[in-house]
Protein backbone atom coordinates (compact mmCIF):
# COMPACT_ATOMS: atom_id res chain seq x y z
CA MET A 1 -55.42 33.55 8.55
CA ALA A 2 -53.69 36.95 8.94
CA ILE A 3 -51.37 37.51 11.93
CA HIS A 4 -51.98 40.69 13.84
CA ASP A 5 -49.30 40.59 16.32
CA ILE A 6 -46.15 40.24 14.51
CA SER A 7 -43.83 42.03 17.12
CA GLY A 8 -42.27 38.75 17.88
CA SER A 9 -39.43 37.50 15.55
CA ARG A 10 -40.93 34.09 14.76
CA TYR A 11 -44.28 35.58 13.56
CA ALA A 12 -42.53 38.15 11.20
CA PRO A 13 -41.24 35.57 8.37
CA VAL A 14 -44.74 34.21 8.17
CA TYR A 15 -46.25 37.50 7.93
CA ASP A 16 -43.88 38.67 5.38
CA GLU A 17 -44.27 35.59 3.40
CA GLY A 18 -48.11 35.96 3.24
CA LEU A 19 -47.84 39.64 2.48
CA ARG A 20 -45.54 39.09 -0.44
CA ALA A 21 -47.84 36.38 -1.79
CA TYR A 22 -50.90 38.63 -1.20
CA MET A 23 -49.33 41.53 -3.17
CA LEU A 24 -47.97 39.23 -5.93
CA LYS A 25 -51.47 38.03 -6.45
CA ILE A 26 -52.64 41.60 -6.78
CA TYR A 27 -49.94 42.28 -9.35
CA ASN A 28 -50.66 39.30 -11.28
CA TYR A 29 -54.37 39.82 -11.33
CA MET A 30 -53.48 43.27 -12.67
CA ALA A 31 -51.19 42.03 -15.37
CA ALA A 32 -53.89 39.75 -16.45
CA ALA A 33 -56.36 42.51 -16.89
CA LEU A 34 -54.19 44.72 -18.59
CA THR A 35 -53.43 41.94 -21.02
CA LEU A 36 -57.10 41.21 -21.55
CA THR A 37 -57.86 44.73 -22.15
CA GLY A 38 -54.99 45.26 -24.62
CA LEU A 39 -56.09 42.45 -26.57
CA ALA A 40 -59.89 43.35 -26.51
CA ALA A 41 -58.96 47.04 -27.55
CA TRP A 42 -56.56 45.64 -30.53
CA PHE A 43 -58.80 43.19 -31.84
CA SER A 44 -62.07 45.34 -31.82
CA ALA A 45 -60.03 48.20 -33.56
CA HIS A 46 -59.26 45.74 -36.29
CA SER A 47 -62.61 44.09 -36.58
CA PRO A 48 -65.03 46.19 -38.90
CA ALA A 49 -67.99 44.16 -37.56
CA ILE A 50 -67.24 45.27 -33.88
CA LEU A 51 -66.48 48.92 -34.78
CA SER A 52 -69.58 49.27 -36.79
CA SER A 53 -71.48 47.76 -33.75
CA LEU A 54 -69.93 50.17 -31.06
CA TYR A 55 -69.60 53.30 -33.33
CA VAL A 56 -71.58 55.39 -36.07
CA VAL A 57 -69.15 54.83 -39.00
CA GLN A 58 -69.34 57.11 -42.09
CA GLY A 59 -66.89 55.93 -44.79
CA GLN A 60 -63.57 55.95 -42.67
CA THR A 61 -64.55 58.22 -40.09
CA ILE A 62 -66.30 57.55 -36.71
CA THR A 63 -68.93 60.27 -36.19
CA GLY A 64 -70.65 59.08 -32.85
CA MET A 65 -71.36 56.03 -30.82
CA SER A 66 -74.09 53.55 -31.10
CA GLY A 67 -76.62 52.52 -28.62
CA LEU A 68 -74.63 49.54 -27.84
CA GLY A 69 -71.28 51.40 -27.71
CA TRP A 70 -72.88 53.63 -24.95
CA ILE A 71 -73.78 50.45 -23.05
CA VAL A 72 -70.25 49.18 -23.30
CA MET A 73 -68.79 52.53 -22.24
CA LEU A 74 -71.13 52.96 -19.01
CA ALA A 75 -71.30 49.17 -18.03
CA PRO A 76 -67.61 49.30 -16.66
CA LEU A 77 -68.91 52.06 -14.24
CA GLY A 78 -71.74 49.93 -13.16
CA LEU A 79 -69.62 46.99 -12.52
CA VAL A 80 -67.26 49.19 -10.15
CA PHE A 81 -70.33 49.98 -8.10
CA TYR A 82 -71.57 46.48 -8.24
CA LEU A 83 -68.32 45.13 -6.89
CA SER A 84 -67.66 47.97 -4.38
CA PHE A 85 -70.99 47.57 -2.63
CA GLY A 86 -71.40 43.71 -2.96
CA LEU A 87 -68.29 42.70 -2.32
CA ARG A 88 -68.96 41.08 1.01
CA THR A 89 -71.76 39.14 -0.05
CA MET A 90 -70.46 37.90 -3.49
CA SER A 91 -68.73 34.63 -3.81
CA LEU A 92 -65.10 34.79 -4.79
CA ALA A 93 -65.98 33.26 -8.21
CA VAL A 94 -68.53 35.98 -8.83
CA VAL A 95 -65.93 38.66 -8.07
CA GLN A 96 -63.60 36.96 -10.47
CA ILE A 97 -66.07 36.83 -13.22
CA SER A 98 -66.97 40.73 -12.82
CA TYR A 99 -63.39 41.50 -12.90
CA TRP A 100 -62.79 39.94 -16.23
CA ILE A 101 -65.92 41.19 -17.70
CA TYR A 102 -64.71 44.79 -16.57
CA ALA A 103 -61.27 44.42 -18.19
CA GLY A 104 -62.86 42.91 -21.46
CA LEU A 105 -65.50 45.88 -21.40
CA LEU A 106 -62.96 48.47 -21.08
CA GLY A 107 -60.96 47.02 -23.79
CA LEU A 108 -63.73 47.27 -26.19
CA SER A 109 -64.29 50.99 -25.05
CA LEU A 110 -60.48 51.67 -25.77
CA SER A 111 -60.40 50.41 -29.23
CA VAL A 112 -60.43 54.13 -30.25
CA VAL A 113 -56.96 54.38 -28.80
CA PHE A 114 -55.68 52.08 -31.86
CA LEU A 115 -57.89 54.10 -34.14
CA ALA A 116 -56.36 57.41 -33.19
CA TYR A 117 -52.79 56.71 -32.53
CA THR A 118 -49.94 54.68 -33.98
CA ASP A 119 -49.15 51.50 -32.96
CA GLU A 120 -45.44 52.66 -32.40
CA SER A 121 -46.43 55.51 -30.07
CA ILE A 122 -48.97 53.46 -28.14
CA ALA A 123 -46.10 50.74 -27.41
CA ARG A 124 -43.66 53.52 -26.48
CA VAL A 125 -46.06 55.22 -24.04
CA PHE A 126 -47.13 52.04 -22.40
CA PHE A 127 -43.65 51.13 -21.40
CA ILE A 128 -43.25 54.71 -20.08
CA ALA A 129 -46.43 54.42 -18.13
CA ALA A 130 -45.29 50.91 -17.05
CA GLY A 131 -41.88 52.21 -15.54
CA THR A 132 -43.66 55.04 -13.91
CA PHE A 133 -46.22 52.96 -12.30
CA ALA A 134 -43.75 50.49 -11.22
CA GLY A 135 -41.43 52.95 -9.47
CA MET A 136 -44.35 54.72 -7.81
CA SER A 137 -45.79 51.33 -6.60
CA ILE A 138 -42.32 50.27 -5.48
CA ILE A 139 -42.20 53.62 -3.23
CA GLY A 140 -45.60 53.17 -1.94
CA TYR A 141 -44.80 49.55 -0.85
CA LEU A 142 -41.52 50.49 0.86
CA THR A 143 -41.87 53.92 2.45
CA LYS A 144 -42.48 54.09 6.02
CA LYS A 145 -44.26 57.49 5.65
CA ASP A 146 -47.80 57.55 6.02
CA LEU A 147 -49.19 58.52 2.74
CA THR A 148 -52.86 59.08 3.73
CA GLY A 149 -52.47 62.99 3.53
CA LEU A 150 -51.16 62.47 0.12
CA GLY A 151 -53.97 60.35 -0.96
CA SER A 152 -56.43 62.75 0.41
CA PHE A 153 -54.89 65.60 -1.54
CA MET A 154 -54.77 63.44 -4.77
CA MET A 155 -58.34 62.57 -4.42
CA MET A 156 -59.55 66.22 -4.15
CA GLY A 157 -57.40 66.82 -7.16
CA LEU A 158 -59.22 63.95 -9.12
CA THR A 159 -62.52 65.40 -8.09
CA GLY A 160 -61.33 68.83 -9.65
CA LEU A 161 -59.75 66.98 -12.72
CA ILE A 162 -63.15 65.24 -13.57
CA ILE A 163 -65.17 68.52 -13.32
CA ALA A 164 -62.87 70.43 -15.45
CA SER A 165 -62.69 67.34 -17.96
CA LEU A 166 -66.66 67.69 -18.10
CA VAL A 167 -66.40 71.37 -18.64
CA ASN A 168 -63.86 71.11 -21.55
CA LEU A 169 -66.18 68.58 -23.37
CA PHE A 170 -68.12 71.61 -24.17
CA LEU A 171 -65.27 74.14 -24.50
CA LYS A 172 -63.16 71.49 -26.66
CA ARG A 173 -59.91 73.69 -25.92
CA GLU A 174 -57.00 71.39 -26.86
CA ASP A 175 -54.64 73.79 -24.62
CA VAL A 176 -56.94 73.12 -21.65
CA GLN A 177 -57.04 69.20 -22.53
CA PHE A 178 -53.18 69.12 -22.72
CA ALA A 179 -52.94 70.59 -19.07
CA LEU A 180 -55.53 68.44 -17.72
CA SER A 181 -53.61 65.53 -19.12
CA ALA A 182 -50.26 66.66 -17.59
CA ILE A 183 -52.32 67.06 -14.02
CA GLY A 184 -53.80 63.67 -14.38
CA VAL A 185 -50.36 62.24 -14.79
CA VAL A 186 -49.38 63.79 -11.52
CA ILE A 187 -52.52 62.92 -9.89
CA PHE A 188 -52.64 58.97 -10.65
CA VAL A 189 -48.79 58.65 -10.03
CA GLY A 190 -49.42 59.89 -6.67
CA LEU A 191 -52.30 57.74 -6.20
CA THR A 192 -50.39 54.71 -7.33
CA ALA A 193 -48.08 55.18 -4.33
CA PHE A 194 -50.92 55.84 -1.87
CA ASP A 195 -53.21 52.84 -3.17
CA THR A 196 -50.00 50.37 -2.97
CA GLN A 197 -49.46 51.28 0.85
CA LYS A 198 -53.30 51.06 1.48
CA LEU A 199 -53.42 47.76 -0.09
CA LYS A 200 -50.55 46.44 1.70
CA ASN A 201 -51.77 47.74 5.32
CA LEU A 202 -55.20 45.88 4.40
CA TYR A 203 -53.29 42.77 4.45
CA ALA A 204 -53.27 42.82 8.18
CA GLU A 205 -56.92 43.19 8.22
CA THR A 206 -57.81 40.19 6.10
CA ALA A 207 -59.68 37.52 8.14
CA ASP A 208 -59.54 34.27 5.81
CA SER A 209 -58.68 32.97 2.47
CA GLU A 210 -61.55 33.90 0.52
CA TRP A 211 -61.77 37.52 1.81
CA THR A 212 -58.10 37.74 1.10
CA GLY A 213 -58.78 36.71 -2.60
CA LYS A 214 -61.64 39.43 -2.78
CA VAL A 215 -59.63 42.10 -1.49
CA ALA A 216 -56.67 41.06 -3.95
CA ILE A 217 -59.00 41.41 -7.08
CA MET A 218 -60.37 44.74 -5.73
CA GLY A 219 -56.74 45.71 -5.03
CA ALA A 220 -55.87 44.68 -8.55
CA LEU A 221 -58.83 46.89 -9.89
CA ILE A 222 -57.67 49.89 -8.22
CA LEU A 223 -54.18 49.74 -9.30
CA TYR A 224 -55.21 48.49 -12.93
CA LEU A 225 -57.19 51.98 -12.99
CA ASP A 226 -54.16 53.86 -11.70
CA PHE A 227 -52.11 52.54 -14.66
CA ILE A 228 -54.87 52.83 -17.23
CA ASN A 229 -55.27 56.59 -16.25
CA ILE A 230 -51.42 57.02 -16.24
CA PHE A 231 -51.15 55.43 -19.62
CA LEU A 232 -54.09 57.63 -21.16
CA SER A 233 -52.84 60.85 -19.70
CA LEU A 234 -49.34 60.20 -21.04
CA LEU A 235 -50.61 59.11 -24.48
CA GLN A 236 -52.76 62.39 -24.96
CA LEU A 237 -49.27 64.13 -24.06
CA LEU A 238 -46.71 62.09 -25.86
CA GLY A 239 -48.85 60.08 -28.45
CA GLN A 240 -48.46 60.41 -32.16
CA ARG A 241 -51.89 60.74 -34.00
CA LYS A 242 -52.54 59.07 -37.07
CA ASN A 243 -53.99 62.07 -38.69
CA ARG A 244 -50.96 64.21 -37.93
């Protein structure tokens, strides 16, 4: 049970120990999901059978997505809504299973990353993204400043980014896409700090071990998405394409 009154010195060590365990659980869930996503993306990119089931392939060129491919791409979005609105009524086991399914499906969707970019540049950008994420998450955890204002500003920026990205699907301007990727890095770097602080503060509101476990999984999903978006934005800026 979380301790809400930590003003006394004898409560602080217990609270700090529980908070550290809670945050470590979030990061462990996140790291495991990233591993699953990476393996699923790499394996599917190197499996002709999976590629042919997800995409329309002509020769060595992908010309579109199959019906199954669209389902795989859109299913993670449905899972996010499913988890968000049903978290309180779901069992911890169902939340965990949904989380792993999400990570696996997103990995299948990201198989195109290994088709478009060299393995070396993917690895390089991954470590850059990991270092950037870790630094901002540490700042979000340690800072005493309330980052609510930053979070609100970044969410407004994210809304604009999504709209601009949809518009550029029709314009297909490479210079616009480059600018959107740079803006995306800034937005998700800011959200990483904000989300980390928000998850840290949520610990005081957890009522029991099962609810804490559910919150930890959802927290891991939030940070996982922050990292994925930092990585993909940086990859568009710094990645080396195979056809260049």
